Amino acid sequence: NGQKEAGLRPAAVEAWDDYTRRRVELYAEYEAQCQREAVVDFPELLLRSYELLSRNEPIRRHYQARFRHILVDEFQDTNGIQYAWLRMLAGDTGRVMIVGDDDQSIYGWRGAKIENIQRFLTDYQGAETIRLEQNYRSTANILKAANSVIANNSERLGKELWTEGAEGEPISLYAAFNEVDEARFDQSGIRTLYESEAFPLERNRPEPVAAVEEDEKQTATG
């Protein structure tokens, strides 16, 4: 999938040793099997779309005219072929708006390229950058910690998160041994809050459906 997400078919992948040569062979066998079974995976959908637009000018011009304004959300998660597909569809019009956070790029393992944000600013000269730095969800202590962590990211656009909300409780750290230990720790914390009545579950419990239906029935019958 990595080569396909880069826009490369098996014949275009360079094999420089036995290991990569075998990987290319497996890629070709996988492609052939998909053809026989008439199935496509997600990267194949993207690559076919890109190939259609790049090889068929009438279709490309049709969709470029149809989608005159394009908005892409979660842009930090786009891969190589997605960016190429966007450039093909948008052309050089500059009528493209992207929404993304270079400090939230966590899908590099599946092909996401954070540098697509930098490429966008280079390819679309004059694009205005609007930083949404005010946070409405987290306390000030959490944002201070987040700012300290993300400041270590390399080649970032840069931002400073802030809030008008409360300072909040100090942040605690727990190093779990594994996912089971983490789940037990979370469950223990929830139980402690519940038993201390700090966050009673009944406060957010919805009204029983049966009772609502009965009230509606009485209203209907007078």
N, C-alpha and C. Protein backbone atom coordinates (compact mmCIF):
# COMPACT_ATOMS: atom_id res chain seq x y z
N ASN A 1 0.81 -1.20 0.00
CA ASN A 1 0.00 0.00 0.00
C ASN A 1 0.85 1.27 0.00
N GLY A 2 2.06 1.19 0.57
CA GLY A 2 2.91 2.35 0.61
C GLY A 2 3.27 2.85 -0.78
N GLN A 3 3.60 1.92 -1.69
CA GLN A 3 3.94 2.31 -3.06
C GLN A 3 2.70 2.82 -3.80
N LYS A 4 1.57 2.18 -3.57
CA LYS A 4 0.34 2.61 -4.23
C LYS A 4 -0.07 3.99 -3.74
N GLU A 5 0.11 4.26 -2.45
CA GLU A 5 -0.21 5.57 -1.92
C GLU A 5 0.73 6.65 -2.44
N ALA A 6 1.88 6.21 -2.96
CA ALA A 6 2.80 7.15 -3.59
C ALA A 6 2.50 7.31 -5.08
N GLY A 7 1.47 6.58 -5.56
CA GLY A 7 1.08 6.70 -6.96
C GLY A 7 1.82 5.78 -7.90
N LEU A 8 2.43 4.72 -7.38
CA LEU A 8 3.25 3.83 -8.19
C LEU A 8 2.60 2.46 -8.36
N ARG A 9 2.51 2.01 -9.62
CA ARG A 9 2.12 0.64 -9.92
C ARG A 9 3.37 -0.26 -9.80
N PRO A 10 3.19 -1.58 -9.72
CA PRO A 10 4.35 -2.47 -9.56
C PRO A 10 5.44 -2.25 -10.60
N ALA A 11 5.06 -2.00 -11.85
CA ALA A 11 6.05 -1.84 -12.92
C ALA A 11 6.90 -0.59 -12.73
N ALA A 12 6.40 0.36 -11.95
CA ALA A 12 7.13 1.62 -11.76
C ALA A 12 7.98 1.63 -10.49
N VAL A 13 7.90 0.57 -9.69
CA VAL A 13 8.64 0.52 -8.44
C VAL A 13 10.05 -0.01 -8.71
N GLU A 14 11.04 0.71 -8.25
CA GLU A 14 12.43 0.30 -8.46
C GLU A 14 12.83 -0.74 -7.42
N ALA A 15 13.40 -1.83 -7.88
CA ALA A 15 13.87 -2.90 -6.99
C ALA A 15 15.39 -2.96 -7.07
N TRP A 16 16.07 -2.68 -5.97
CA TRP A 16 17.53 -2.61 -6.00
C TRP A 16 18.22 -3.75 -5.26
N ASP A 17 17.45 -4.64 -4.65
CA ASP A 17 18.04 -5.84 -4.03
C ASP A 17 16.99 -6.93 -3.98
N ASP A 18 17.38 -8.10 -3.47
CA ASP A 18 16.45 -9.23 -3.44
C ASP A 18 15.23 -8.95 -2.57
N TYR A 19 15.44 -8.23 -1.47
CA TYR A 19 14.33 -7.95 -0.57
C TYR A 19 13.28 -7.08 -1.25
N THR A 20 13.70 -5.96 -1.83
CA THR A 20 12.74 -5.09 -2.47
C THR A 20 12.16 -5.73 -3.73
N ARG A 21 12.97 -6.55 -4.40
CA ARG A 21 12.46 -7.24 -5.59
C ARG A 21 11.33 -8.18 -5.22
N ARG A 22 11.46 -8.88 -4.10
CA ARG A 22 10.41 -9.77 -3.65
C ARG A 22 9.17 -9.00 -3.25
N ARG A 23 9.36 -7.85 -2.64
CA ARG A 23 8.21 -7.01 -2.25
C ARG A 23 7.46 -6.53 -3.49
N VAL A 24 8.19 -6.19 -4.53
CA VAL A 24 7.54 -5.76 -5.76
C VAL A 24 6.77 -6.93 -6.38
N GLU A 25 7.34 -8.12 -6.31
CA GLU A 25 6.66 -9.31 -6.84
C GLU A 25 5.36 -9.56 -6.08
N LEU A 26 5.41 -9.42 -4.75
CA LEU A 26 4.20 -9.61 -3.95
C LEU A 26 3.17 -8.54 -4.27
N TYR A 27 3.63 -7.33 -4.50
CA TYR A 27 2.73 -6.24 -4.88
C TYR A 27 2.03 -6.57 -6.20
N ALA A 28 2.79 -7.07 -7.17
CA ALA A 28 2.21 -7.42 -8.46
C ALA A 28 1.23 -8.58 -8.32
N GLU A 29 1.56 -9.56 -7.49
CA GLU A 29 0.67 -10.70 -7.29
C GLU A 29 -0.62 -10.25 -6.60
N TYR A 30 -0.49 -9.34 -5.66
CA TYR A 30 -1.67 -8.81 -4.97
C TYR A 30 -2.57 -8.08 -5.95
N GLU A 31 -1.98 -7.25 -6.81
CA GLU A 31 -2.75 -6.53 -7.82
C GLU A 31 -3.49 -7.49 -8.75
N ALA A 32 -2.78 -8.55 -9.17
CA ALA A 32 -3.39 -9.52 -10.07
C ALA A 32 -4.56 -10.24 -9.40
N GLN A 33 -4.40 -10.57 -8.12
CA GLN A 33 -5.47 -11.25 -7.39
C GLN A 33 -6.69 -10.36 -7.25
N CYS A 34 -6.46 -9.07 -6.98
CA CYS A 34 -7.58 -8.12 -6.89
C CYS A 34 -8.30 -8.01 -8.22
N GLN A 35 -7.55 -8.02 -9.32
CA GLN A 35 -8.16 -7.96 -10.64
C GLN A 35 -9.03 -9.19 -10.90
N ARG A 36 -8.52 -10.35 -10.52
CA ARG A 36 -9.28 -11.59 -10.74
C ARG A 36 -10.58 -11.61 -9.95
N GLU A 37 -10.54 -11.05 -8.74
CA GLU A 37 -11.72 -11.09 -7.87
C GLU A 37 -12.57 -9.83 -8.00
N ALA A 38 -12.15 -8.90 -8.86
CA ALA A 38 -12.90 -7.67 -9.11
C ALA A 38 -13.14 -6.89 -7.81
N VAL A 39 -12.09 -6.71 -7.02
CA VAL A 39 -12.18 -5.95 -5.78
C VAL A 39 -11.10 -4.87 -5.78
N VAL A 40 -11.35 -3.82 -5.01
CA VAL A 40 -10.37 -2.74 -4.89
C VAL A 40 -10.24 -2.36 -3.41
N ASP A 41 -9.05 -1.95 -3.02
CA ASP A 41 -8.85 -1.43 -1.67
C ASP A 41 -8.90 0.10 -1.72
N PHE A 42 -8.78 0.73 -0.57
CA PHE A 42 -8.93 2.17 -0.52
C PHE A 42 -7.84 2.90 -1.32
N PRO A 43 -6.54 2.52 -1.17
CA PRO A 43 -5.53 3.19 -2.00
C PRO A 43 -5.79 3.02 -3.49
N GLU A 44 -6.39 1.90 -3.89
CA GLU A 44 -6.69 1.69 -5.30
C GLU A 44 -7.74 2.68 -5.79
N LEU A 45 -8.73 2.97 -4.95
CA LEU A 45 -9.74 3.96 -5.32
C LEU A 45 -9.10 5.33 -5.58
N LEU A 46 -8.16 5.70 -4.70
CA LEU A 46 -7.48 6.98 -4.85
C LEU A 46 -6.62 7.00 -6.11
N LEU A 47 -5.88 5.91 -6.32
CA LEU A 47 -4.98 5.86 -7.47
C LEU A 47 -5.75 5.85 -8.78
N ARG A 48 -6.85 5.11 -8.83
CA ARG A 48 -7.66 5.09 -10.05
C ARG A 48 -8.26 6.46 -10.34
N SER A 49 -8.68 7.14 -9.29
CA SER A 49 -9.23 8.49 -9.48
C SER A 49 -8.17 9.42 -10.04
N TYR A 50 -6.96 9.32 -9.49
CA TYR A 50 -5.87 10.17 -9.97
C TYR A 50 -5.52 9.83 -11.42
N GLU A 51 -5.45 8.55 -11.74
CA GLU A 51 -5.11 8.15 -13.11
C GLU A 51 -6.17 8.60 -14.10
N LEU A 52 -7.44 8.53 -13.68
CA LEU A 52 -8.53 8.96 -14.56
C LEU A 52 -8.41 10.45 -14.86
N LEU A 53 -8.16 11.25 -13.82
CA LEU A 53 -8.06 12.69 -14.02
C LEU A 53 -6.82 13.08 -14.83
N SER A 54 -5.73 12.38 -14.60
CA SER A 54 -4.48 12.74 -15.27
C SER A 54 -4.46 12.30 -16.73
N ARG A 55 -5.19 11.24 -17.07
CA ARG A 55 -5.12 10.70 -18.42
C ARG A 55 -6.28 11.13 -19.31
N ASN A 56 -7.32 11.69 -18.71
CA ASN A 56 -8.50 12.05 -19.49
C ASN A 56 -8.80 13.54 -19.29
N GLU A 57 -8.34 14.36 -20.22
CA GLU A 57 -8.50 15.80 -20.06
C GLU A 57 -9.95 16.26 -20.03
N PRO A 58 -10.84 15.74 -20.89
CA PRO A 58 -12.24 16.17 -20.82
C PRO A 58 -12.87 15.92 -19.46
N ILE A 59 -12.61 14.75 -18.88
CA ILE A 59 -13.16 14.45 -17.55
C ILE A 59 -12.54 15.36 -16.51
N ARG A 60 -11.23 15.58 -16.63
CA ARG A 60 -10.56 16.46 -15.67
C ARG A 60 -11.14 17.87 -15.72
N ARG A 61 -11.32 18.39 -16.90
CA ARG A 61 -11.87 19.74 -17.03
C ARG A 61 -13.32 19.80 -16.54
N HIS A 62 -14.06 18.72 -16.75
CA HIS A 62 -15.45 18.68 -16.29
C HIS A 62 -15.52 18.82 -14.77
N TYR A 63 -14.71 18.03 -14.06
CA TYR A 63 -14.79 18.07 -12.60
C TYR A 63 -14.09 19.29 -12.02
N GLN A 64 -13.10 19.82 -12.71
CA GLN A 64 -12.50 21.07 -12.26
C GLN A 64 -13.51 22.20 -12.33
N ALA A 65 -14.36 22.17 -13.36
CA ALA A 65 -15.40 23.20 -13.49
C ALA A 65 -16.55 22.97 -12.52
N ARG A 66 -16.83 21.71 -12.24
CA ARG A 66 -17.95 21.40 -11.36
C ARG A 66 -17.64 21.73 -9.91
N PHE A 67 -16.43 21.38 -9.46
CA PHE A 67 -16.04 21.65 -8.07
C PHE A 67 -15.12 22.87 -8.09
N ARG A 68 -15.73 24.04 -8.09
CA ARG A 68 -14.97 25.27 -8.22
C ARG A 68 -14.32 25.70 -6.90
N HIS A 69 -14.86 25.22 -5.79
CA HIS A 69 -14.29 25.53 -4.47
C HIS A 69 -14.16 24.21 -3.71
N ILE A 70 -13.01 23.98 -3.13
CA ILE A 70 -12.72 22.70 -2.48
C ILE A 70 -12.26 22.96 -1.04
N LEU A 71 -12.83 22.19 -0.11
CA LEU A 71 -12.45 22.23 1.30
C LEU A 71 -11.98 20.86 1.72
N VAL A 72 -10.80 20.78 2.32
CA VAL A 72 -10.24 19.51 2.79
C VAL A 72 -10.01 19.62 4.29
N ASP A 73 -10.65 18.75 5.05
CA ASP A 73 -10.48 18.72 6.50
C ASP A 73 -9.44 17.67 6.88
N GLU A 74 -8.89 17.78 8.09
CA GLU A 74 -7.86 16.85 8.60
C GLU A 74 -6.72 16.70 7.59
N PHE A 75 -6.24 17.81 7.10
CA PHE A 75 -5.25 17.77 6.02
C PHE A 75 -3.94 17.14 6.45
N GLN A 76 -3.65 17.13 7.74
CA GLN A 76 -2.41 16.53 8.21
C GLN A 76 -2.39 15.01 8.00
N ASP A 77 -3.56 14.43 7.72
CA ASP A 77 -3.64 12.97 7.53
C ASP A 77 -3.61 12.56 6.06
N THR A 78 -3.41 13.50 5.14
CA THR A 78 -3.39 13.14 3.72
C THR A 78 -2.06 12.49 3.35
N ASN A 79 -2.12 11.57 2.38
CA ASN A 79 -0.90 10.93 1.91
C ASN A 79 -0.49 11.50 0.55
N GLY A 80 0.50 10.89 -0.07
CA GLY A 80 1.02 11.41 -1.31
C GLY A 80 0.02 11.43 -2.44
N ILE A 81 -0.70 10.32 -2.64
CA ILE A 81 -1.63 10.23 -3.76
C ILE A 81 -2.84 11.13 -3.52
N GLN A 82 -3.25 11.32 -2.28
CA GLN A 82 -4.36 12.22 -1.99
C GLN A 82 -3.99 13.66 -2.33
N TYR A 83 -2.77 14.03 -2.01
CA TYR A 83 -2.35 15.39 -2.34
C TYR A 83 -2.25 15.58 -3.85
N ALA A 84 -1.71 14.58 -4.53
CA ALA A 84 -1.62 14.67 -5.99
C ALA A 84 -3.01 14.72 -6.62
N TRP A 85 -3.94 13.96 -6.08
CA TRP A 85 -5.32 13.95 -6.56
C TRP A 85 -5.96 15.32 -6.35
N LEU A 86 -5.71 15.93 -5.19
CA LEU A 86 -6.25 17.26 -4.92
C LEU A 86 -5.68 18.29 -5.89
N ARG A 87 -4.38 18.23 -6.11
CA ARG A 87 -3.75 19.18 -7.03
C ARG A 87 -4.31 19.02 -8.44
N MET A 88 -4.56 17.78 -8.83
CA MET A 88 -5.10 17.53 -10.16
C MET A 88 -6.52 18.08 -10.27
N LEU A 89 -7.32 17.90 -9.24
CA LEU A 89 -8.70 18.35 -9.28
C LEU A 89 -8.80 19.88 -9.17
N ALA A 90 -7.98 20.46 -8.32
CA ALA A 90 -8.05 21.90 -8.09
C ALA A 90 -7.32 22.69 -9.16
N GLY A 91 -6.32 22.09 -9.78
CA GLY A 91 -5.53 22.82 -10.76
C GLY A 91 -4.76 23.95 -10.09
N ASP A 92 -4.61 25.04 -10.79
CA ASP A 92 -3.86 26.19 -10.25
C ASP A 92 -4.79 27.33 -9.86
N THR A 93 -6.06 27.02 -9.62
CA THR A 93 -7.04 28.07 -9.34
C THR A 93 -6.80 28.75 -8.01
N GLY A 94 -6.29 28.00 -7.04
CA GLY A 94 -6.12 28.55 -5.71
C GLY A 94 -7.40 28.58 -4.90
N ARG A 95 -8.50 28.04 -5.45
CA ARG A 95 -9.76 28.04 -4.72
C ARG A 95 -9.86 26.79 -3.83
N VAL A 96 -8.89 26.66 -2.98
CA VAL A 96 -8.80 25.50 -2.10
C VAL A 96 -8.60 25.99 -0.67
N MET A 97 -9.34 25.40 0.26
CA MET A 97 -9.17 25.70 1.67
C MET A 97 -8.88 24.39 2.40
N ILE A 98 -7.84 24.38 3.20
CA ILE A 98 -7.50 23.19 3.97
C ILE A 98 -7.59 23.50 5.46
N VAL A 99 -7.98 22.51 6.22
CA VAL A 99 -8.05 22.61 7.68
C VAL A 99 -7.22 21.48 8.25
N GLY A 100 -6.24 21.82 9.04
CA GLY A 100 -5.38 20.78 9.58
C GLY A 100 -4.53 21.31 10.71
N ASP A 101 -3.87 20.40 11.39
CA ASP A 101 -3.01 20.74 12.53
C ASP A 101 -1.73 19.92 12.40
N ASP A 102 -0.63 20.60 12.10
CA ASP A 102 0.63 19.89 11.91
C ASP A 102 1.13 19.24 13.20
N ASP A 103 0.58 19.62 14.35
CA ASP A 103 0.98 19.00 15.61
C ASP A 103 0.11 17.79 15.96
N GLN A 104 -0.85 17.45 15.10
CA GLN A 104 -1.69 16.28 15.34
C GLN A 104 -1.46 15.19 14.29
N SER A 105 -0.33 15.21 13.66
CA SER A 105 -0.04 14.20 12.65
C SER A 105 0.43 12.92 13.33
N ILE A 106 -0.45 11.92 13.37
CA ILE A 106 -0.13 10.67 14.07
C ILE A 106 -0.28 9.45 13.16
N TYR A 107 -0.55 9.68 11.87
CA TYR A 107 -0.80 8.55 10.97
C TYR A 107 0.30 8.37 9.92
N GLY A 108 1.51 8.76 10.28
CA GLY A 108 2.63 8.54 9.36
C GLY A 108 2.83 7.07 9.07
N TRP A 109 2.47 6.20 10.01
CA TRP A 109 2.65 4.76 9.83
C TRP A 109 1.76 4.20 8.72
N ARG A 110 0.71 4.94 8.33
CA ARG A 110 -0.14 4.47 7.26
C ARG A 110 -0.07 5.37 6.02
N GLY A 111 0.99 6.15 5.95
CA GLY A 111 1.25 6.90 4.74
C GLY A 111 0.99 8.39 4.79
N ALA A 112 0.43 8.90 5.90
CA ALA A 112 0.16 10.34 5.99
C ALA A 112 1.46 11.13 5.94
N LYS A 113 1.46 12.24 5.23
CA LYS A 113 2.65 13.07 5.07
C LYS A 113 2.36 14.47 5.58
N ILE A 114 2.92 14.79 6.75
CA ILE A 114 2.70 16.09 7.33
C ILE A 114 3.26 17.19 6.45
N GLU A 115 4.28 16.86 5.64
CA GLU A 115 4.87 17.88 4.77
C GLU A 115 3.91 18.36 3.69
N ASN A 116 2.76 17.69 3.54
CA ASN A 116 1.77 18.16 2.57
C ASN A 116 1.28 19.57 2.91
N ILE A 117 1.24 19.91 4.21
CA ILE A 117 0.84 21.25 4.60
C ILE A 117 1.85 22.27 4.09
N GLN A 118 3.14 21.95 4.26
CA GLN A 118 4.18 22.85 3.76
C GLN A 118 4.13 22.92 2.23
N ARG A 119 3.90 21.80 1.58
CA ARG A 119 3.81 21.78 0.12
C ARG A 119 2.65 22.64 -0.36
N PHE A 120 1.54 22.59 0.37
CA PHE A 120 0.39 23.39 -0.01
C PHE A 120 0.73 24.87 0.00
N LEU A 121 1.41 25.33 1.04
CA LEU A 121 1.77 26.74 1.14
C LEU A 121 2.75 27.14 0.05
N THR A 122 3.56 26.18 -0.42
CA THR A 122 4.49 26.46 -1.51
C THR A 122 3.77 26.45 -2.85
N ASP A 123 2.89 25.47 -3.05
CA ASP A 123 2.20 25.33 -4.34
C ASP A 123 1.16 26.42 -4.55
N TYR A 124 0.55 26.89 -3.46
CA TYR A 124 -0.46 27.93 -3.56
C TYR A 124 0.07 29.19 -2.88
N GLN A 125 0.94 29.88 -3.60
CA GLN A 125 1.54 31.09 -3.08
C GLN A 125 0.46 32.12 -2.75
N GLY A 126 0.62 32.75 -1.63
CA GLY A 126 -0.35 33.77 -1.23
C GLY A 126 -1.48 33.24 -0.39
N ALA A 127 -1.49 31.92 -0.12
CA ALA A 127 -2.55 31.35 0.73
C ALA A 127 -2.44 31.95 2.13
N GLU A 128 -3.57 32.35 2.68
CA GLU A 128 -3.59 32.96 4.01
C GLU A 128 -3.68 31.88 5.08
N THR A 129 -2.86 32.01 6.10
CA THR A 129 -2.87 31.06 7.22
C THR A 129 -3.60 31.68 8.40
N ILE A 130 -4.63 31.00 8.87
CA ILE A 130 -5.42 31.47 10.01
C ILE A 130 -5.22 30.48 11.15
N ARG A 131 -4.63 30.92 12.22
CA ARG A 131 -4.36 30.05 13.37
C ARG A 131 -5.52 30.11 14.37
N LEU A 132 -6.08 28.98 14.67
CA LEU A 132 -7.15 28.89 15.67
C LEU A 132 -6.51 28.42 16.97
N GLU A 133 -6.09 29.36 17.79
CA GLU A 133 -5.29 29.02 18.97
C GLU A 133 -6.11 29.00 20.26
N GLN A 134 -7.25 29.66 20.28
CA GLN A 134 -8.06 29.65 21.50
C GLN A 134 -8.76 28.30 21.64
N ASN A 135 -8.63 27.72 22.82
CA ASN A 135 -9.19 26.40 23.09
C ASN A 135 -10.37 26.54 24.04
N TYR A 136 -11.44 25.81 23.73
CA TYR A 136 -12.66 25.88 24.54
C TYR A 136 -12.92 24.59 25.31
N ARG A 137 -12.05 23.63 25.17
CA ARG A 137 -12.29 22.31 25.73
C ARG A 137 -11.44 22.01 26.95
N SER A 138 -10.18 22.43 26.95
CA SER A 138 -9.24 22.01 27.99
C SER A 138 -8.95 23.15 28.96
N THR A 139 -8.44 22.78 30.12
CA THR A 139 -8.04 23.77 31.12
C THR A 139 -6.67 24.34 30.77
N ALA A 140 -6.31 25.43 31.43
CA ALA A 140 -5.05 26.10 31.14
C ALA A 140 -3.85 25.21 31.43
N ASN A 141 -3.92 24.41 32.49
CA ASN A 141 -2.80 23.53 32.82
C ASN A 141 -2.56 22.51 31.71
N ILE A 142 -3.62 21.97 31.16
CA ILE A 142 -3.48 21.01 30.08
C ILE A 142 -2.86 21.67 28.85
N LEU A 143 -3.29 22.89 28.54
CA LEU A 143 -2.76 23.58 27.37
C LEU A 143 -1.30 23.96 27.55
N LYS A 144 -0.92 24.35 28.77
CA LYS A 144 0.48 24.66 29.02
C LYS A 144 1.35 23.43 28.80
N ALA A 145 0.88 22.29 29.26
CA ALA A 145 1.64 21.05 29.06
C ALA A 145 1.70 20.70 27.58
N ALA A 146 0.57 20.87 26.86
CA ALA A 146 0.55 20.57 25.43
C ALA A 146 1.51 21.48 24.67
N ASN A 147 1.52 22.76 25.00
CA ASN A 147 2.44 23.70 24.34
C ASN A 147 3.89 23.31 24.57
N SER A 148 4.19 22.83 25.77
CA SER A 148 5.57 22.42 26.07
C SER A 148 5.98 21.20 25.26
N VAL A 149 5.03 20.29 25.04
CA VAL A 149 5.33 19.08 24.29
C VAL A 149 5.49 19.35 22.80
N ILE A 150 4.50 20.04 22.22
CA ILE A 150 4.52 20.23 20.77
C ILE A 150 5.59 21.23 20.34
N ALA A 151 6.13 22.00 21.28
CA ALA A 151 7.21 22.92 20.93
C ALA A 151 8.45 22.17 20.46
N ASN A 152 8.55 20.88 20.79
CA ASN A 152 9.70 20.06 20.39
C ASN A 152 9.54 19.47 19.00
N ASN A 153 8.36 19.60 18.39
CA ASN A 153 8.16 19.09 17.03
C ASN A 153 9.00 19.90 16.05
N SER A 154 9.57 19.22 15.08
CA SER A 154 10.42 19.89 14.10
C SER A 154 9.60 20.35 12.89
N GLU A 155 10.03 21.41 12.26
CA GLU A 155 9.45 21.92 11.02
C GLU A 155 7.94 22.17 11.16
N ARG A 156 7.54 22.73 12.29
CA ARG A 156 6.14 23.02 12.51
C ARG A 156 5.83 24.47 12.14
N LEU A 157 4.56 24.75 11.86
CA LEU A 157 4.16 26.11 11.53
C LEU A 157 4.16 26.99 12.77
N GLY A 158 3.87 26.39 13.91
CA GLY A 158 3.92 27.13 15.17
C GLY A 158 2.59 27.73 15.58
N LYS A 159 2.27 27.59 16.87
CA LYS A 159 1.07 28.20 17.45
C LYS A 159 1.19 28.12 18.96
N GLU A 160 0.39 28.91 19.66
CA GLU A 160 0.38 28.93 21.12
C GLU A 160 -1.06 28.80 21.59
N LEU A 161 -1.41 27.65 22.10
CA LEU A 161 -2.76 27.39 22.56
C LEU A 161 -3.04 28.13 23.86
N TRP A 162 -4.25 28.67 23.99
CA TRP A 162 -4.63 29.38 25.21
C TRP A 162 -6.13 29.26 25.44
N THR A 163 -6.54 29.59 26.64
CA THR A 163 -7.94 29.52 27.00
C THR A 163 -8.29 30.62 27.99
N GLU A 164 -9.55 31.03 27.98
CA GLU A 164 -10.06 31.96 28.99
C GLU A 164 -10.63 31.21 30.19
N GLY A 165 -10.57 29.89 30.11
CA GLY A 165 -11.11 29.07 31.19
C GLY A 165 -10.21 29.00 32.41
N ALA A 166 -10.57 28.12 33.32
CA ALA A 166 -9.86 27.99 34.60
C ALA A 166 -8.50 27.32 34.42
N GLU A 167 -7.65 27.50 35.45
CA GLU A 167 -6.34 26.84 35.43
C GLU A 167 -6.49 25.33 35.46
N GLY A 168 -7.44 24.84 36.24
CA GLY A 168 -7.66 23.41 36.33
C GLY A 168 -6.72 22.72 37.29
N GLU A 169 -6.98 21.44 37.51
CA GLU A 169 -6.16 20.66 38.43
C GLU A 169 -4.79 20.38 37.82
N PRO A 170 -3.78 20.17 38.67
CA PRO A 170 -2.46 19.78 38.16
C PRO A 170 -2.55 18.47 37.40
N ILE A 171 -1.71 18.32 36.41
CA ILE A 171 -1.72 17.11 35.60
C ILE A 171 -0.99 15.99 36.33
N SER A 172 -1.58 14.81 36.33
CA SER A 172 -0.95 13.64 36.93
C SER A 172 -0.48 12.71 35.82
N LEU A 173 0.53 11.94 36.10
CA LEU A 173 1.13 11.04 35.10
C LEU A 173 1.11 9.62 35.64
N TYR A 174 0.67 8.70 34.81
CA TYR A 174 0.67 7.29 35.17
C TYR A 174 1.26 6.49 34.02
N ALA A 175 2.32 5.76 34.27
CA ALA A 175 2.96 4.92 33.25
C ALA A 175 2.41 3.51 33.36
N ALA A 176 1.50 3.16 32.47
CA ALA A 176 0.87 1.84 32.51
C ALA A 176 1.81 0.78 31.98
N PHE A 177 1.71 -0.42 32.54
CA PHE A 177 2.56 -1.53 32.11
C PHE A 177 2.15 -2.02 30.72
N ASN A 178 0.84 -2.07 30.48
CA ASN A 178 0.32 -2.47 29.18
C ASN A 178 -1.11 -1.94 29.05
N GLU A 179 -1.81 -2.34 27.97
CA GLU A 179 -3.16 -1.81 27.75
C GLU A 179 -4.14 -2.29 28.82
N VAL A 180 -3.94 -3.48 29.36
CA VAL A 180 -4.83 -3.98 30.41
C VAL A 180 -4.66 -3.16 31.68
N ASP A 181 -3.40 -2.89 32.02
CA ASP A 181 -3.12 -2.07 33.19
C ASP A 181 -3.70 -0.67 33.02
N GLU A 182 -3.60 -0.12 31.82
CA GLU A 182 -4.16 1.20 31.55
C GLU A 182 -5.68 1.20 31.74
N ALA A 183 -6.34 0.16 31.23
CA ALA A 183 -7.79 0.07 31.37
C ALA A 183 -8.20 -0.05 32.84
N ARG A 184 -7.45 -0.83 33.60
CA ARG A 184 -7.76 -0.99 35.02
C ARG A 184 -7.57 0.33 35.76
N PHE A 185 -6.54 1.08 35.40
CA PHE A 185 -6.30 2.38 36.03
C PHE A 185 -7.44 3.34 35.74
N ASP A 186 -7.88 3.38 34.50
CA ASP A 186 -9.00 4.26 34.13
C ASP A 186 -10.27 3.85 34.85
N GLN A 187 -10.52 2.54 34.90
CA GLN A 187 -11.73 2.04 35.56
C GLN A 187 -11.71 2.37 37.05
N SER A 188 -10.52 2.27 37.65
CA SER A 188 -10.41 2.58 39.08
C SER A 188 -10.68 4.06 39.34
N GLY A 189 -10.18 4.93 38.45
CA GLY A 189 -10.41 6.36 38.61
C GLY A 189 -11.87 6.72 38.46
N ILE A 190 -12.54 6.10 37.50
CA ILE A 190 -13.97 6.36 37.30
C ILE A 190 -14.78 5.90 38.51
N ARG A 191 -14.42 4.73 39.04
CA ARG A 191 -15.14 4.21 40.21
C ARG A 191 -14.94 5.12 41.43
N THR A 192 -13.71 5.62 41.59
CA THR A 192 -13.43 6.50 42.72
C THR A 192 -14.26 7.78 42.63
N LEU A 193 -14.35 8.36 41.45
CA LEU A 193 -15.15 9.57 41.27
C LEU A 193 -16.63 9.29 41.52
N TYR A 194 -17.08 8.13 41.06
CA TYR A 194 -18.48 7.78 41.24
C TYR A 194 -18.82 7.56 42.71
N GLU A 195 -17.96 6.81 43.42
CA GLU A 195 -18.23 6.51 44.82
C GLU A 195 -18.10 7.74 45.71
N SER A 196 -17.29 8.70 45.28
CA SER A 196 -17.17 9.93 46.07
C SER A 196 -18.28 10.91 45.75
N GLU A 197 -19.14 10.54 44.80
CA GLU A 197 -20.28 11.34 44.38
C GLU A 197 -19.85 12.68 43.76
N ALA A 198 -18.58 12.73 43.33
CA ALA A 198 -18.12 13.94 42.64
C ALA A 198 -18.78 14.06 41.28
N PHE A 199 -19.00 12.91 40.65
CA PHE A 199 -19.67 12.88 39.35
C PHE A 199 -20.72 11.78 39.37
N PRO A 200 -21.85 12.02 40.00
CA PRO A 200 -22.88 10.97 40.05
C PRO A 200 -23.41 10.64 38.67
N LEU A 201 -23.47 9.36 38.37
CA LEU A 201 -23.93 8.94 37.05
C LEU A 201 -25.39 9.30 36.82
N GLU A 202 -26.17 9.33 37.90
CA GLU A 202 -27.59 9.62 37.76
C GLU A 202 -27.85 11.02 37.20
N ARG A 203 -26.89 11.93 37.35
CA ARG A 203 -27.10 13.29 36.92
C ARG A 203 -27.29 13.38 35.40
N ASN A 204 -26.64 12.50 34.68
CA ASN A 204 -26.72 12.54 33.22
C ASN A 204 -27.51 11.37 32.64
N ARG A 205 -28.25 10.70 33.50
CA ARG A 205 -29.01 9.54 33.03
C ARG A 205 -30.27 10.02 32.32
N PRO A 206 -30.51 9.57 31.08
CA PRO A 206 -31.71 10.02 30.34
C PRO A 206 -32.98 9.46 30.95
N GLU A 207 -34.07 10.13 30.68
CA GLU A 207 -35.36 9.67 31.19
C GLU A 207 -35.73 8.37 30.50
N PRO A 208 -36.25 7.39 31.23
CA PRO A 208 -36.61 6.11 30.61
C PRO A 208 -37.55 6.29 29.44
N VAL A 209 -37.30 5.55 28.38
CA VAL A 209 -38.11 5.66 27.17
C VAL A 209 -39.56 5.31 27.44
N ALA A 210 -39.80 4.29 28.26
CA ALA A 210 -41.16 3.84 28.55
C ALA A 210 -41.96 4.96 29.20
N ALA A 211 -41.32 5.69 30.11
CA ALA A 211 -42.02 6.77 30.80
C ALA A 211 -42.37 7.89 29.83
N VAL A 212 -41.47 8.18 28.91
CA VAL A 212 -41.74 9.22 27.92
C VAL A 212 -42.89 8.80 27.03
N GLU A 213 -42.91 7.55 26.59
CA GLU A 213 -43.98 7.06 25.73
C GLU A 213 -45.32 7.11 26.45
N GLU A 214 -45.32 6.80 27.78
CA GLU A 214 -46.56 6.83 28.54
C GLU A 214 -47.10 8.25 28.65
N ASP A 215 -46.21 9.23 28.89
CA ASP A 215 -46.63 10.63 28.96
C ASP A 215 -47.23 11.08 27.65
N GLU A 216 -46.64 10.69 26.53
CA GLU A 216 -47.15 11.08 25.23
C GLU A 216 -48.52 10.47 24.99
N LYS A 217 -48.73 9.24 25.45
CA LYS A 217 -50.01 8.56 25.27
C LYS A 217 -51.10 9.28 26.06
N GLN A 218 -50.77 9.70 27.31
CA GLN A 218 -51.77 10.39 28.10
C GLN A 218 -52.12 11.74 27.50
N THR A 219 -51.11 12.41 26.93
CA THR A 219 -51.37 13.71 26.30
C THR A 219 -52.26 13.55 25.09
N ALA A 220 -52.03 12.48 24.33
CA ALA A 220 -52.83 12.25 23.12
C ALA A 220 -54.27 11.91 23.45
N THR A 221 -54.49 11.21 24.56
CA THR A 221 -55.86 10.77 24.91
C THR A 221 -56.57 11.81 25.76
N GLY A 222 -55.89 12.85 26.17
CA GLY A 222 -56.51 13.89 26.99
C GLY A 222 -56.58 13.47 28.45
